Amino acid sequence: MKFSICVVAHPLDSAHRTAIRFCNALIAKNHQIEQIFFYQDAVILASNLLVPAQDEYPTQQNWLDFSNQNQIELNVCVSAAIKRGVLNDADCARYNKNQSNVHSCFNIVGLGEFLTSMDNADKQVTFG
């Protein structure tokens, strides 16, 4: 079965831990994940400026590890990211900002990418 995953919670929210566990369980059961899509406050996770406290759950690193281990894209909504100051090189040029701050493992995409993934998936699950 194919799944499309959407995460909307702030990076400090426990919904990320639940989402990662769910995604790992899907992979363990031989299901396919079309993409992980970060929307609303979850887009903050794509910033390469995040520095979690030592006693906090390393949300960004855990998503990066999951993505690398399973070759699953981490997609971020462009409009939600811009509103929250998470910019790639193209958006920096467009809005006359000096420096991008998107971690290289995240893709900035439009909602169309998410909708296409939903069409390709059998189920869509949202966390947050």
C-alpha atoms as a PDB file:
ATOM      1  CA  MET A   1       0.000   0.000   0.000  1.00  0.00           C
ATOM      2  CA  LYS A   2       1.204   3.530  -0.794  1.00  0.00           C
ATOM      3  CA  PHE A   3       1.023   6.301   1.802  1.00  0.00           C
ATOM      4  CA  SER A   4       1.312  10.063   1.587  1.00  0.00           C
ATOM      5  CA  ILE A   5       2.420  11.625   4.869  1.00  0.00           C
ATOM      6  CA  CYS A   6       1.780  15.236   5.880  1.00  0.00           C
ATOM      7  CA  VAL A   7       3.190  16.815   9.044  1.00  0.00           C
ATOM      8  CA  VAL A   8       1.870  20.190  10.244  1.00  0.00           C
ATOM      9  CA  ALA A   9       3.196  20.426  13.818  1.00  0.00           C
ATOM     10  CA  HIS A  10       5.971  22.698  15.065  1.00  0.00           C
ATOM     11  CA  PRO A  11       9.335  20.848  15.217  1.00  0.00           C
ATOM     12  CA  LEU A  12       9.195  20.727  19.032  1.00  0.00           C
ATOM     13  CA  ASP A  13       5.804  18.984  19.006  1.00  0.00           C
ATOM     14  CA  SER A  14       5.700  15.267  19.832  1.00  0.00           C
ATOM     15  CA  ALA A  15       3.675  14.669  16.648  1.00  0.00           C
ATOM     16  CA  HIS A  16       6.999  14.396  14.793  1.00  0.00           C
ATOM     17  CA  ARG A  17       8.128  11.511  16.991  1.00  0.00           C
ATOM     18  CA  THR A  18       4.818   9.768  16.368  1.00  0.00           C
ATOM     19  CA  ALA A  19       5.053  10.402  12.614  1.00  0.00           C
ATOM     20  CA  ILE A  20       8.579   8.992  12.400  1.00  0.00           C
ATOM     21  CA  ARG A  21       7.565   5.880  14.342  1.00  0.00           C
ATOM     22  CA  PHE A  22       4.550   5.455  12.059  1.00  0.00           C
ATOM     23  CA  CYS A  23       6.695   5.823   8.950  1.00  0.00           C
ATOM     24  CA  ASN A  24       9.235   3.304  10.266  1.00  0.00           C
ATOM     25  CA  ALA A  25       6.386   0.872  10.953  1.00  0.00           C
ATOM     26  CA  LEU A  26       5.102   1.320   7.402  1.00  0.00           C
ATOM     27  CA  ILE A  27       8.539   0.535   5.968  1.00  0.00           C
ATOM     28  CA  ALA A  28       8.884  -2.486   8.270  1.00  0.00           C
ATOM     29  CA  LYS A  29       5.565  -3.810   6.894  1.00  0.00           C
ATOM     30  CA  ASN A  30       6.786  -3.271   3.301  1.00  0.00           C
ATOM     31  CA  HIS A  31       4.455  -0.372   2.565  1.00  0.00           C
ATOM     32  CA  GLN A  32       5.595   2.464   0.325  1.00  0.00           C
ATOM     33  CA  ILE A  33       5.758   6.140   1.302  1.00  0.00           C
ATOM     34  CA  GLU A  34       5.289   8.498  -1.638  1.00  0.00           C
ATOM     35  CA  GLN A  35       6.664  11.521   0.224  1.00  0.00           C
ATOM     36  CA  ILE A  36       6.802  13.322   3.528  1.00  0.00           C
ATOM     37  CA  PHE A  37       5.247  16.776   3.171  1.00  0.00           C
ATOM     38  CA  PHE A  38       5.826  19.471   5.793  1.00  0.00           C
ATOM     39  CA  TYR A  39       3.175  22.175   6.000  1.00  0.00           C
ATOM     40  CA  GLN A  40       2.189  25.009   8.369  1.00  0.00           C
ATOM     41  CA  ASP A  41       4.613  25.264  11.343  1.00  0.00           C
ATOM     42  CA  ALA A  42       6.310  21.992  10.394  1.00  0.00           C
ATOM     43  CA  VAL A  43       8.188  23.854   7.638  1.00  0.00           C
ATOM     44  CA  ILE A  44      10.440  25.387  10.297  1.00  0.00           C
ATOM     45  CA  LEU A  45      12.082  21.958  10.410  1.00  0.00           C
ATOM     46  CA  ALA A  46      13.728  22.673   7.038  1.00  0.00           C
ATOM     47  CA  SER A  47      15.858  25.512   8.404  1.00  0.00           C
ATOM     48  CA  ASN A  48      19.553  24.698   8.615  1.00  0.00           C
ATOM     49  CA  LEU A  49      19.740  27.129  11.539  1.00  0.00           C
ATOM     50  CA  LEU A  50      17.912  24.854  13.989  1.00  0.00           C
ATOM     51  CA  VAL A  51      19.934  23.946  17.068  1.00  0.00           C
ATOM     52  CA  PRO A  52      17.963  21.774  19.489  1.00  0.00           C
ATOM     53  CA  ALA A  53      18.803  21.774  23.160  1.00  0.00           C
ATOM     54  CA  GLN A  54      20.738  18.707  24.284  1.00  0.00           C
ATOM     55  CA  ASP A  55      17.751  17.369  26.229  1.00  0.00           C
ATOM     56  CA  GLU A  56      15.263  17.786  23.372  1.00  0.00           C
ATOM     57  CA  TYR A  57      14.216  15.240  20.790  1.00  0.00           C
ATOM     58  CA  PRO A  58      16.400  15.827  17.675  1.00  0.00           C
ATOM     59  CA  THR A  59      13.463  16.139  15.294  1.00  0.00           C
ATOM     60  CA  GLN A  60      15.330  17.413  12.263  1.00  0.00           C
ATOM     61  CA  GLN A  61      18.154  14.878  12.545  1.00  0.00           C
ATOM     62  CA  ASN A  62      15.682  12.022  12.954  1.00  0.00           C
ATOM     63  CA  TRP A  63      13.808  13.058   9.795  1.00  0.00           C
ATOM     64  CA  LEU A  64      17.116  13.374   7.931  1.00  0.00           C
ATOM     65  CA  ASP A  65      18.172   9.909   9.088  1.00  0.00           C
ATOM     66  CA  PHE A  66      14.806   8.444   8.078  1.00  0.00           C
ATOM     67  CA  SER A  67      15.010  10.073   4.654  1.00  0.00           C
ATOM     68  CA  ASN A  68      18.579   8.896   4.037  1.00  0.00           C
ATOM     69  CA  GLN A  69      17.925   5.337   5.183  1.00  0.00           C
ATOM     70  CA  ASN A  70      14.771   4.948   3.106  1.00  0.00           C
ATOM     71  CA  GLN A  71      15.414   7.276   0.149  1.00  0.00           C
ATOM     72  CA  ILE A  72      12.189   9.196   0.760  1.00  0.00           C
ATOM     73  CA  GLU A  73      11.936  12.864  -0.137  1.00  0.00           C
ATOM     74  CA  LEU A  74      11.316  15.510   2.510  1.00  0.00           C
ATOM     75  CA  ASN A  75       9.162  18.162   0.827  1.00  0.00           C
ATOM     76  CA  VAL A  76       8.306  21.552   2.281  1.00  0.00           C
ATOM     77  CA  CYS A  77       5.450  23.836   1.245  1.00  0.00           C
ATOM     78  CA  VAL A  78       6.943  26.934  -0.364  1.00  0.00           C
ATOM     79  CA  SER A  79       4.289  29.435   0.749  1.00  0.00           C
ATOM     80  CA  ALA A  80       4.298  28.221   4.361  1.00  0.00           C
ATOM     81  CA  ALA A  81       8.104  28.274   4.379  1.00  0.00           C
ATOM     82  CA  ILE A  82       8.359  31.835   3.047  1.00  0.00           C
ATOM     83  CA  LYS A  83       5.891  33.086   5.679  1.00  0.00           C
ATOM     84  CA  ARG A  84       8.102  31.562   8.382  1.00  0.00           C
ATOM     85  CA  GLY A  85      11.422  32.823   7.045  1.00  0.00           C
ATOM     86  CA  VAL A  86      12.612  29.524   5.571  1.00  0.00           C
ATOM     87  CA  LEU A  87      14.018  30.478   2.163  1.00  0.00           C
ATOM     88  CA  ASN A  88      15.926  28.675  -0.579  1.00  0.00           C
ATOM     89  CA  ASP A  89      18.247  30.446  -3.023  1.00  0.00           C
ATOM     90  CA  ALA A  90      15.484  31.197  -5.537  1.00  0.00           C
ATOM     91  CA  ASP A  91      13.235  32.733  -2.885  1.00  0.00           C
ATOM     92  CA  CYS A  92      16.137  34.811  -1.528  1.00  0.00           C
ATOM     93  CA  ALA A  93      16.676  36.289  -4.976  1.00  0.00           C
ATOM     94  CA  ARG A  94      12.967  36.862  -5.478  1.00  0.00           C
ATOM     95  CA  TYR A  95      12.505  38.650  -2.137  1.00  0.00           C
ATOM     96  CA  ASN A  96      15.904  40.408  -2.013  1.00  0.00           C
ATOM     97  CA  LYS A  97      17.186  38.495   1.002  1.00  0.00           C
ATOM     98  CA  ASN A  98      20.877  37.897   1.612  1.00  0.00           C
ATOM     99  CA  GLN A  99      21.085  34.245   2.522  1.00  0.00           C
ATOM    100  CA  SER A 100      19.084  31.069   2.173  1.00  0.00           C
ATOM    101  CA  ASN A 101      18.598  28.831   5.177  1.00  0.00           C
ATOM    102  CA  VAL A 102      17.040  25.657   3.790  1.00  0.00           C
ATOM    103  CA  HIS A 103      18.851  22.484   4.739  1.00  0.00           C
ATOM    104  CA  SER A 104      20.065  20.730   1.596  1.00  0.00           C
ATOM    105  CA  CYS A 105      18.041  17.566   2.318  1.00  0.00           C
ATOM    106  CA  PHE A 106      14.704  19.379   2.074  1.00  0.00           C
ATOM    107  CA  ASN A 107      12.913  20.232  -1.176  1.00  0.00           C
ATOM    108  CA  ILE A 108      10.861  23.411  -1.393  1.00  0.00           C
ATOM    109  CA  VAL A 109       7.763  22.571  -3.445  1.00  0.00           C
ATOM    110  CA  GLY A 110       4.268  23.824  -4.131  1.00  0.00           C
ATOM    111  CA  LEU A 111       1.034  22.315  -2.918  1.00  0.00           C
ATOM    112  CA  GLY A 112       0.646  20.723  -6.348  1.00  0.00           C
ATOM    113  CA  GLU A 113       3.442  18.308  -5.467  1.00  0.00           C
ATOM    114  CA  PHE A 114       1.547  17.261  -2.344  1.00  0.00           C
ATOM    115  CA  LEU A 115      -1.718  16.854  -4.264  1.00  0.00           C
ATOM    116  CA  THR A 116       0.015  14.701  -6.887  1.00  0.00           C
ATOM    117  CA  SER A 117       1.410  12.525  -4.117  1.00  0.00           C
ATOM    118  CA  MET A 118      -2.049  12.169  -2.615  1.00  0.00           C
ATOM    119  CA  ASP A 119      -3.398  11.063  -6.003  1.00  0.00           C
ATOM    120  CA  ASN A 120      -0.655   8.430  -6.270  1.00  0.00           C
ATOM    121  CA  ALA A 121      -1.207   7.150  -2.731  1.00  0.00           C
ATOM    122  CA  ASP A 122      -3.791   4.750  -1.387  1.00  0.00           C
ATOM    123  CA  LYS A 123      -3.933   6.571   1.951  1.00  0.00           C
ATOM    124  CA  GLN A 124      -2.986   9.997   3.244  1.00  0.00           C
ATOM    125  CA  VAL A 125      -2.093  10.483   6.921  1.00  0.00           C
ATOM    126  CA  THR A 126      -1.564  13.834   8.648  1.00  0.00           C
ATOM    127  CA  PHE A 127       0.280  14.391  11.941  1.00  0.00           C
ATOM    128  CA  GLY A 128      -0.042  17.438  14.135  1.00  0.00           C
END
